[in-house]
N, C-alpha and C. Protein backbone atom coordinates (compact mmCIF):
# COMPACT_ATOMS: atom_id res chain seq x y z
N ALA A 1 -22.83 -10.72 -2.36
CA ALA A 1 -23.21 -9.41 -2.86
C ALA A 1 -22.71 -8.29 -1.94
N SER A 2 -22.77 -8.52 -0.63
CA SER A 2 -22.30 -7.48 0.30
C SER A 2 -20.79 -7.28 0.20
N MET A 3 -20.06 -8.35 -0.14
CA MET A 3 -18.61 -8.21 -0.30
C MET A 3 -18.29 -7.39 -1.54
N GLY A 4 -19.08 -7.55 -2.59
CA GLY A 4 -18.91 -6.73 -3.78
C GLY A 4 -19.15 -5.26 -3.46
N LYS A 5 -20.12 -4.99 -2.60
CA LYS A 5 -20.40 -3.62 -2.17
C LYS A 5 -19.22 -3.06 -1.38
N LEU A 6 -18.64 -3.90 -0.53
CA LEU A 6 -17.50 -3.48 0.28
C LEU A 6 -16.33 -3.09 -0.62
N VAL A 7 -16.02 -3.94 -1.59
CA VAL A 7 -14.91 -3.66 -2.50
C VAL A 7 -15.21 -2.39 -3.30
N GLY A 8 -16.46 -2.24 -3.75
CA GLY A 8 -16.85 -1.03 -4.47
C GLY A 8 -16.71 0.22 -3.62
N SER A 9 -17.10 0.12 -2.37
CA SER A 9 -16.96 1.26 -1.46
C SER A 9 -15.50 1.60 -1.23
N LEU A 10 -14.69 0.58 -1.05
CA LEU A 10 -13.25 0.82 -0.88
C LEU A 10 -12.63 1.44 -2.13
N ARG A 11 -13.05 0.96 -3.28
CA ARG A 11 -12.54 1.51 -4.55
C ARG A 11 -12.87 3.01 -4.63
N SER A 12 -14.09 3.37 -4.27
CA SER A 12 -14.49 4.79 -4.27
C SER A 12 -13.67 5.58 -3.25
N PHE A 13 -13.48 5.00 -2.09
CA PHE A 13 -12.69 5.65 -1.04
C PHE A 13 -11.26 5.90 -1.51
N LEU A 14 -10.70 4.93 -2.23
CA LEU A 14 -9.31 5.06 -2.68
C LEU A 14 -9.15 6.12 -3.78
N GLN A 15 -10.23 6.56 -4.35
CA GLN A 15 -10.12 7.61 -5.37
C GLN A 15 -9.86 8.98 -4.74
N ILE A 16 -9.98 9.04 -3.44
CA ILE A 16 -9.65 10.28 -2.72
C ILE A 16 -8.14 10.35 -2.64
N ARG A 17 -7.57 11.31 -3.29
CA ARG A 17 -6.11 11.41 -3.38
C ARG A 17 -5.47 12.01 -2.14
N SER A 18 -6.24 12.46 -1.19
CA SER A 18 -5.67 13.15 -0.03
C SER A 18 -5.46 12.22 1.17
N MET A 19 -5.36 10.93 0.93
CA MET A 19 -5.13 10.01 2.04
C MET A 19 -3.74 10.21 2.62
N LYS A 20 -3.65 10.17 3.91
CA LYS A 20 -2.37 10.29 4.60
C LYS A 20 -1.60 8.99 4.47
N GLU A 21 -0.30 9.09 4.69
CA GLU A 21 0.58 7.93 4.51
C GLU A 21 0.20 6.77 5.42
N GLN A 22 -0.22 7.05 6.66
CA GLN A 22 -0.60 5.97 7.57
C GLN A 22 -1.85 5.26 7.08
N ALA A 23 -2.80 6.01 6.55
CA ALA A 23 -4.02 5.40 6.02
C ALA A 23 -3.71 4.50 4.83
N VAL A 24 -2.82 4.94 3.96
CA VAL A 24 -2.43 4.13 2.81
C VAL A 24 -1.78 2.83 3.28
N ALA A 25 -0.86 2.92 4.23
CA ALA A 25 -0.21 1.72 4.77
C ALA A 25 -1.23 0.79 5.43
N ASN A 26 -2.22 1.36 6.11
CA ASN A 26 -3.25 0.55 6.75
C ASN A 26 -4.09 -0.20 5.73
N VAL A 27 -4.37 0.43 4.59
CA VAL A 27 -5.14 -0.26 3.55
C VAL A 27 -4.33 -1.42 2.99
N TRP A 28 -3.04 -1.21 2.74
CA TRP A 28 -2.17 -2.32 2.28
C TRP A 28 -2.24 -3.48 3.28
N TRP A 29 -2.08 -3.14 4.56
CA TRP A 29 -2.08 -4.18 5.60
C TRP A 29 -3.41 -4.92 5.62
N ALA A 30 -4.51 -4.18 5.55
CA ALA A 30 -5.84 -4.80 5.59
C ALA A 30 -6.05 -5.75 4.41
N ILE A 31 -5.65 -5.32 3.22
CA ILE A 31 -5.81 -6.17 2.04
C ILE A 31 -5.01 -7.45 2.21
N ALA A 32 -3.76 -7.32 2.64
CA ALA A 32 -2.92 -8.50 2.81
C ALA A 32 -3.47 -9.43 3.89
N SER A 33 -3.99 -8.84 4.95
CA SER A 33 -4.52 -9.64 6.06
C SER A 33 -5.80 -10.36 5.71
N MET A 34 -6.59 -9.79 4.80
CA MET A 34 -7.91 -10.34 4.49
C MET A 34 -8.00 -10.99 3.11
N GLN A 35 -6.87 -11.14 2.43
CA GLN A 35 -6.93 -11.64 1.05
C GLN A 35 -7.48 -13.06 0.94
N GLN A 36 -7.31 -13.88 1.94
CA GLN A 36 -7.85 -15.24 1.89
C GLN A 36 -9.37 -15.24 1.96
N GLN A 37 -9.91 -14.39 2.82
CA GLN A 37 -11.36 -14.31 2.99
C GLN A 37 -12.02 -13.49 1.88
N LEU A 38 -11.32 -12.47 1.39
CA LEU A 38 -11.87 -11.56 0.38
C LEU A 38 -10.86 -11.34 -0.75
N PRO A 39 -10.67 -12.32 -1.60
CA PRO A 39 -9.66 -12.16 -2.67
C PRO A 39 -9.98 -11.00 -3.61
N GLU A 40 -11.22 -10.53 -3.63
CA GLU A 40 -11.58 -9.39 -4.47
C GLU A 40 -10.82 -8.12 -4.08
N LEU A 41 -10.37 -8.07 -2.82
CA LEU A 41 -9.62 -6.90 -2.36
C LEU A 41 -8.33 -6.70 -3.15
N LEU A 42 -7.78 -7.80 -3.66
CA LEU A 42 -6.53 -7.69 -4.42
C LEU A 42 -6.69 -6.81 -5.65
N SER A 43 -7.91 -6.68 -6.14
CA SER A 43 -8.14 -5.84 -7.32
C SER A 43 -7.93 -4.35 -7.01
N LEU A 44 -7.82 -4.00 -5.74
CA LEU A 44 -7.62 -2.61 -5.34
C LEU A 44 -6.14 -2.20 -5.39
N MET A 45 -5.27 -3.17 -5.47
CA MET A 45 -3.84 -2.87 -5.39
C MET A 45 -3.33 -1.94 -6.50
N PRO A 46 -3.81 -2.07 -7.73
CA PRO A 46 -3.33 -1.12 -8.74
C PRO A 46 -3.64 0.35 -8.39
N GLN A 47 -4.72 0.59 -7.68
CA GLN A 47 -5.04 1.95 -7.24
C GLN A 47 -4.12 2.40 -6.11
N LEU A 48 -3.67 1.47 -5.32
CA LEU A 48 -2.82 1.82 -4.17
C LEU A 48 -1.40 2.19 -4.57
N VAL A 49 -0.91 1.63 -5.66
CA VAL A 49 0.49 1.86 -6.03
C VAL A 49 0.79 3.34 -6.26
N PRO A 50 0.05 4.05 -7.12
CA PRO A 50 0.38 5.47 -7.30
C PRO A 50 0.15 6.30 -6.04
N MET A 51 -0.85 5.90 -5.26
CA MET A 51 -1.12 6.59 -4.01
C MET A 51 0.06 6.42 -3.04
N THR A 52 0.58 5.21 -2.98
CA THR A 52 1.71 4.92 -2.11
C THR A 52 2.95 5.66 -2.60
N ASP A 53 3.13 5.68 -3.90
CA ASP A 53 4.26 6.39 -4.49
C ASP A 53 4.24 7.86 -4.08
N HIS A 54 3.06 8.41 -3.99
CA HIS A 54 2.89 9.83 -3.65
C HIS A 54 3.20 10.14 -2.18
N VAL A 55 2.87 9.23 -1.28
CA VAL A 55 3.03 9.52 0.16
C VAL A 55 4.20 8.81 0.82
N ALA A 56 4.90 7.95 0.10
CA ALA A 56 5.96 7.14 0.72
C ALA A 56 7.05 7.99 1.37
N LYS A 57 7.32 9.16 0.81
CA LYS A 57 8.38 10.02 1.33
C LYS A 57 8.12 10.46 2.77
N ASP A 58 6.87 10.38 3.20
CA ASP A 58 6.49 10.78 4.56
C ASP A 58 6.21 9.61 5.49
N MET A 59 6.38 8.39 5.00
CA MET A 59 6.05 7.22 5.82
C MET A 59 7.08 6.99 6.93
N VAL A 60 6.57 6.60 8.08
CA VAL A 60 7.42 6.18 9.18
C VAL A 60 7.86 4.74 8.92
N PRO A 61 8.91 4.27 9.62
CA PRO A 61 9.40 2.91 9.36
C PRO A 61 8.32 1.83 9.41
N GLN A 62 7.41 1.90 10.37
CA GLN A 62 6.37 0.87 10.50
C GLN A 62 5.46 0.85 9.27
N ALA A 63 5.13 2.00 8.74
CA ALA A 63 4.27 2.07 7.56
C ALA A 63 4.98 1.47 6.34
N VAL A 64 6.26 1.80 6.17
CA VAL A 64 7.03 1.24 5.05
C VAL A 64 7.09 -0.28 5.19
N SER A 65 7.35 -0.74 6.40
CA SER A 65 7.41 -2.17 6.67
C SER A 65 6.09 -2.85 6.35
N ASN A 66 4.98 -2.24 6.72
CA ASN A 66 3.66 -2.82 6.44
C ASN A 66 3.40 -2.93 4.94
N VAL A 67 3.79 -1.91 4.19
CA VAL A 67 3.58 -1.93 2.74
C VAL A 67 4.44 -3.03 2.10
N ILE A 68 5.69 -3.12 2.51
CA ILE A 68 6.58 -4.15 1.95
C ILE A 68 6.06 -5.54 2.31
N TRP A 69 5.62 -5.72 3.55
CA TRP A 69 5.06 -7.00 3.97
C TRP A 69 3.83 -7.35 3.14
N ALA A 70 2.97 -6.37 2.92
CA ALA A 70 1.75 -6.62 2.14
C ALA A 70 2.09 -7.00 0.70
N CYS A 71 3.07 -6.33 0.12
CA CYS A 71 3.48 -6.67 -1.25
C CYS A 71 3.95 -8.11 -1.33
N ALA A 72 4.74 -8.52 -0.35
CA ALA A 72 5.25 -9.90 -0.33
C ALA A 72 4.13 -10.90 -0.04
N THR A 73 3.27 -10.59 0.89
CA THR A 73 2.19 -11.48 1.28
C THR A 73 1.20 -11.70 0.13
N CYS A 74 0.94 -10.65 -0.61
CA CYS A 74 -0.04 -10.72 -1.70
C CYS A 74 0.61 -11.09 -3.04
N THR A 75 1.90 -11.33 -3.02
CA THR A 75 2.65 -11.56 -4.26
C THR A 75 2.22 -10.57 -5.34
N LEU A 76 2.50 -9.30 -5.04
CA LEU A 76 2.14 -8.21 -5.93
C LEU A 76 2.69 -8.45 -7.33
N ASP A 77 1.89 -8.17 -8.32
CA ASP A 77 2.25 -8.30 -9.73
C ASP A 77 3.59 -7.60 -10.01
N ASP A 78 4.43 -8.22 -10.83
CA ASP A 78 5.77 -7.69 -11.13
C ASP A 78 5.73 -6.26 -11.65
N GLN A 79 4.80 -5.97 -12.53
CA GLN A 79 4.72 -4.62 -13.10
C GLN A 79 4.41 -3.58 -12.02
N LEU A 80 3.49 -3.91 -11.14
CA LEU A 80 3.16 -2.99 -10.05
C LEU A 80 4.33 -2.88 -9.07
N LEU A 81 4.96 -4.01 -8.81
CA LEU A 81 6.10 -4.01 -7.89
C LEU A 81 7.23 -3.15 -8.44
N GLN A 82 7.47 -3.21 -9.74
CA GLN A 82 8.53 -2.39 -10.35
C GLN A 82 8.22 -0.90 -10.26
N LYS A 83 6.95 -0.55 -10.23
CA LYS A 83 6.58 0.85 -10.07
C LYS A 83 6.76 1.31 -8.63
N LEU A 84 6.55 0.42 -7.69
CA LEU A 84 6.52 0.78 -6.28
C LEU A 84 7.88 0.65 -5.58
N LEU A 85 8.65 -0.36 -5.93
CA LEU A 85 9.88 -0.63 -5.20
C LEU A 85 10.90 0.51 -5.19
N PRO A 86 11.13 1.23 -6.30
CA PRO A 86 12.12 2.31 -6.21
C PRO A 86 11.77 3.36 -5.15
N THR A 87 10.51 3.71 -5.05
CA THR A 87 10.08 4.69 -4.05
C THR A 87 10.26 4.15 -2.64
N LEU A 88 9.87 2.90 -2.43
CA LEU A 88 10.02 2.31 -1.10
C LEU A 88 11.49 2.14 -0.74
N ALA A 89 12.29 1.72 -1.70
CA ALA A 89 13.73 1.54 -1.45
C ALA A 89 14.38 2.88 -1.09
N GLU A 90 13.98 3.93 -1.78
CA GLU A 90 14.51 5.27 -1.47
C GLU A 90 14.13 5.68 -0.05
N ARG A 91 12.90 5.39 0.34
CA ARG A 91 12.46 5.75 1.69
C ARG A 91 13.20 4.94 2.74
N VAL A 92 13.40 3.66 2.50
CA VAL A 92 14.16 2.83 3.43
C VAL A 92 15.58 3.38 3.58
N PHE A 93 16.21 3.74 2.46
CA PHE A 93 17.55 4.32 2.50
C PHE A 93 17.57 5.60 3.34
N GLU A 94 16.58 6.47 3.11
CA GLU A 94 16.50 7.71 3.89
C GLU A 94 16.35 7.43 5.37
N LEU A 95 15.50 6.49 5.70
CA LEU A 95 15.26 6.17 7.12
C LEU A 95 16.50 5.57 7.78
N LEU A 96 17.24 4.76 7.02
CA LEU A 96 18.41 4.11 7.59
C LEU A 96 19.65 4.99 7.67
N PHE A 97 19.84 5.81 6.64
CA PHE A 97 21.12 6.51 6.52
C PHE A 97 21.06 8.01 6.59
N LEU A 98 19.91 8.60 6.43
CA LEU A 98 19.84 10.06 6.40
C LEU A 98 19.05 10.64 7.56
N ARG A 99 18.78 9.83 8.53
CA ARG A 99 18.02 10.32 9.70
C ARG A 99 18.91 11.21 10.56
N PRO A 100 18.41 12.37 10.90
CA PRO A 100 19.19 13.20 11.83
C PRO A 100 19.14 12.58 13.23
N ASP A 101 20.26 12.57 13.87
CA ASP A 101 20.32 11.98 15.24
C ASP A 101 20.05 13.01 16.30
């Protein structure tokens, strides 16, 4: 029952659209890290995709890496992955090739 409360609290927290890019990446990482113990956390991923899409342009390399790792670790649903990958790929391209030296 307490785990259900935790997931419910996280779901409410994720409805706040003003999360910073690092916080979004941290939530991805936490879900991927705890999915074995709390598989209910995976139900939060559909909420994270649009949020990530919104802040990805400001993510540092480590945050992008954490999100990509979490997607792979959690075997993110194809439909959600198709929504998220173009934004992440664009950010990776920017970080690799458009960084001012």
